[in-house]
Amino acid sequence: MLSRLTLILLLSALSACSVRFPQIDRLMEIIEEPENPIERILWQANIGGVSQDVIPITAEQGSVYANKQGASLVYDGFIVRTIETFSQQIRHIDIRDEQVGDTITREVWVDYRPVATWTCDIWRVETLLSSTQQCESLGVTRINRRQLNPQGELIDLQQYLGIDDLELQLKKKITNQ
């Protein structure tokens, strides 16, 4: 009876524990390790001299570039449409377009109020991997630029925000973890 009770207690104790073999665990780690270090894709957003690292997240309205500090930028495939909590000076910017033919009327809203209106051309392809867009307001002309990689993905965006000579640069960078 005592041996039966000992066996039941031993089996109960073993079922709650896991048995590990260090030699096999290390072998599995070696097999599962990638040959190259893991690449971590980061982007750097710079507005008016303030830089923040952000990561891309695919969303319904495009790509959202965000970080833990609360900064976020919404990119629709052509330009950044919304900027949130980027710095103390840049809390909320919306960029709204209305296109008629080859002309785009671009309104810039800051903190939910319209502050500027620009007239922009459609994007013009400069090379297979880069394009530009010219915008004008009150005799001032600014050029937006996009650079793509061979897969057609954005790697660099320079966008004039239309207020206080602020320019946004969103640039892809890769770091190894």
Protein backbone atom coordinates (compact mmCIF):
# COMPACT_ATOMS: atom_id res chain seq x y z
CA MET A 1 0.00 0.00 0.00
CA LEU A 2 2.83 2.40 0.87
CA SER A 3 4.58 1.79 -2.48
CA ARG A 4 1.32 2.43 -4.34
CA LEU A 5 0.81 5.72 -2.45
CA THR A 6 4.42 6.71 -3.15
CA LEU A 7 3.93 5.97 -6.86
CA ILE A 8 0.73 8.08 -6.99
CA LEU A 9 2.43 11.00 -5.21
CA LEU A 10 5.47 10.76 -7.48
CA LEU A 11 3.32 10.74 -10.65
CA SER A 12 1.26 13.67 -9.35
CA ALA A 13 4.39 15.66 -8.62
CA LEU A 14 5.89 14.88 -12.03
CA SER A 15 2.77 15.86 -13.91
CA ALA A 16 3.01 19.39 -12.47
CA CYS A 17 6.71 19.72 -13.32
CA SER A 18 8.55 19.77 -16.58
CA VAL A 19 11.61 17.67 -17.15
CA ARG A 20 14.40 19.46 -18.99
CA PHE A 21 17.56 18.15 -20.58
CA PRO A 22 20.12 20.98 -20.89
CA GLN A 23 21.97 19.28 -23.76
CA ILE A 24 18.79 19.02 -25.84
CA ASP A 25 17.70 22.58 -24.94
CA ARG A 26 21.02 24.02 -26.17
CA LEU A 27 20.83 21.96 -29.37
CA MET A 28 17.33 23.31 -30.05
CA GLU A 29 18.57 26.88 -29.47
CA ILE A 30 21.38 26.38 -32.00
CA ILE A 31 18.98 24.93 -34.58
CA GLU A 32 16.46 27.74 -34.15
CA GLU A 33 18.95 30.66 -34.20
CA PRO A 34 18.83 32.61 -37.47
CA GLU A 35 22.09 32.97 -39.38
CA ASN A 36 21.81 36.76 -39.49
CA PRO A 37 20.94 38.96 -36.53
CA ILE A 38 17.31 40.00 -36.42
CA GLU A 39 16.75 43.25 -38.29
CA ARG A 40 14.61 45.77 -36.52
CA ILE A 41 13.03 48.24 -38.89
CA LEU A 42 12.87 51.73 -37.48
CA TRP A 43 12.00 55.00 -39.11
CA GLN A 44 13.18 58.41 -38.11
CA ALA A 45 10.71 61.28 -38.32
CA ASN A 46 12.13 64.78 -38.18
CA ILE A 47 9.99 67.91 -38.05
CA GLY A 48 11.60 71.30 -37.61
CA GLY A 49 14.74 69.85 -36.03
CA VAL A 50 12.87 67.55 -33.61
CA SER A 51 13.58 63.86 -34.33
CA GLN A 52 11.77 60.79 -33.08
CA ASP A 53 12.21 57.11 -33.89
CA VAL A 54 8.94 55.49 -34.95
CA ILE A 55 7.88 52.05 -36.15
CA PRO A 56 5.40 51.37 -38.96
CA ILE A 57 2.05 49.73 -38.27
CA THR A 58 -0.31 48.84 -41.10
CA ALA A 59 -3.73 50.38 -40.56
CA GLU A 60 -6.97 50.85 -42.49
CA GLN A 61 -6.14 54.45 -43.47
CA GLY A 62 -2.56 53.62 -44.55
CA SER A 63 0.59 53.20 -42.50
CA VAL A 64 0.79 54.61 -39.01
CA TYR A 65 4.28 55.42 -37.76
CA ALA A 66 4.21 55.58 -33.97
CA ASN A 67 6.28 55.26 -30.82
CA LYS A 68 5.78 54.69 -27.10
CA GLN A 69 6.00 58.42 -26.39
CA GLY A 70 2.67 58.94 -28.19
CA ALA A 71 3.92 60.45 -31.45
CA SER A 72 2.13 59.21 -34.54
CA LEU A 73 2.06 60.00 -38.24
CA VAL A 74 -0.47 58.63 -40.73
CA TYR A 75 0.93 58.07 -44.25
CA ASP A 76 -1.60 57.35 -47.00
CA GLY A 77 0.84 56.19 -49.69
CA PHE A 78 1.51 59.71 -50.99
CA ILE A 79 1.88 62.09 -48.04
CA VAL A 80 1.59 62.17 -44.27
CA ARG A 81 -2.03 63.17 -43.58
CA THR A 82 -2.08 63.40 -39.79
CA ILE A 83 0.54 64.13 -37.15
CA GLU A 84 -0.26 63.65 -33.46
CA THR A 85 1.72 64.53 -30.33
CA PHE A 86 5.05 64.93 -32.10
CA SER A 87 6.41 67.65 -29.82
CA GLN A 88 5.11 70.34 -27.48
CA GLN A 89 4.73 72.67 -30.46
CA ILE A 90 3.20 70.04 -32.78
CA ARG A 91 0.17 68.50 -31.11
CA HIS A 92 -2.20 67.87 -34.01
CA ILE A 93 -1.84 68.57 -37.75
CA ASP A 94 -4.29 67.41 -40.43
CA ILE A 95 -3.65 67.74 -44.16
CA ARG A 96 -6.72 67.54 -46.39
CA ASP A 97 -6.70 67.42 -50.19
CA GLU A 98 -9.35 68.04 -52.80
CA GLN A 99 -8.30 67.15 -56.33
CA VAL A 100 -9.80 68.65 -59.49
CA GLY A 101 -8.05 67.40 -62.62
CA ASP A 102 -4.29 67.74 -62.17
CA THR A 103 -4.59 70.35 -59.41
CA ILE A 104 -4.84 69.63 -55.70
CA THR A 105 -6.11 72.15 -53.17
CA ARG A 106 -4.39 71.28 -49.90
CA GLU A 107 -5.67 72.59 -46.57
CA VAL A 108 -3.46 72.45 -43.50
CA TRP A 109 -5.26 72.25 -40.16
CA VAL A 110 -3.49 72.79 -36.84
CA ASP A 111 -5.27 71.87 -33.62
CA TYR A 112 -8.52 71.40 -35.61
CA ARG A 113 -8.45 74.86 -37.25
CA PRO A 114 -7.55 75.64 -40.88
CA VAL A 115 -4.33 77.69 -41.06
CA ALA A 116 -3.09 77.47 -44.66
CA THR A 117 -4.20 76.56 -48.18
CA TRP A 118 -1.80 75.42 -50.88
CA THR A 119 -2.21 74.58 -54.56
CA CYS A 120 -0.26 71.44 -55.48
CA ASP A 121 0.45 69.58 -58.68
CA ILE A 122 -0.05 65.84 -58.89
CA TRP A 123 3.04 63.74 -58.13
CA ARG A 124 5.50 63.64 -61.03
CA VAL A 125 7.77 60.65 -61.57
CA GLU A 126 11.40 61.80 -61.73
CA THR A 127 12.99 58.34 -61.95
CA LEU A 128 11.58 54.85 -61.52
CA LEU A 129 12.15 55.14 -57.75
CA SER A 130 11.56 58.83 -57.01
CA SER A 131 8.83 61.40 -57.52
CA THR A 132 8.20 65.05 -56.66
CA GLN A 133 5.22 67.29 -56.05
CA GLN A 134 5.27 71.08 -56.32
CA CYS A 135 3.05 73.15 -54.01
CA GLU A 136 2.49 76.90 -54.03
CA SER A 137 0.85 79.50 -51.80
CA LEU A 138 1.12 83.30 -51.76
CA GLY A 139 4.05 83.24 -54.20
CA VAL A 140 6.02 80.67 -52.18
CA THR A 141 6.87 77.33 -53.86
CA ARG A 142 7.83 74.16 -52.01
CA ILE A 143 8.74 70.70 -53.35
CA ASN A 144 7.72 67.40 -51.71
CA ARG A 145 9.85 64.33 -52.51
CA ARG A 146 9.32 60.56 -52.22
CA GLN A 147 11.94 57.85 -52.66
CA LEU A 148 11.00 54.17 -53.09
CA ASN A 149 13.04 50.98 -52.98
CA PRO A 150 13.00 48.53 -55.93
CA GLN A 151 10.00 46.73 -54.32
CA GLY A 152 8.01 50.00 -54.51
CA GLU A 153 8.07 50.62 -50.75
CA LEU A 154 8.68 54.05 -49.26
CA ILE A 155 12.18 54.62 -47.88
CA ASP A 156 12.31 58.43 -47.66
CA LEU A 157 9.71 61.20 -47.68
CA GLN A 158 10.38 64.93 -47.56
CA GLN A 159 7.14 66.83 -47.15
CA TYR A 160 6.58 70.51 -46.61
CA LEU A 161 3.86 70.88 -43.97
CA GLY A 162 2.64 74.26 -45.17
CA ILE A 163 3.07 76.14 -41.89
CA ASP A 164 5.98 78.12 -40.43
CA ASP A 165 8.44 76.64 -42.94
CA LEU A 166 8.09 73.26 -41.20
CA GLU A 167 9.30 70.31 -43.22
CA LEU A 168 8.81 66.66 -42.35
CA GLN A 169 11.35 64.01 -43.23
CA LEU A 170 10.35 60.39 -42.71
CA LYS A 171 13.29 58.09 -43.41
CA LYS A 172 13.69 54.34 -43.09
CA LYS A 173 16.63 53.05 -41.11
CA ILE A 174 17.52 49.49 -40.14
CA THR A 175 19.28 48.52 -36.95
CA ASN A 176 20.42 45.10 -35.74
CA GLN A 177 19.12 43.94 -32.40
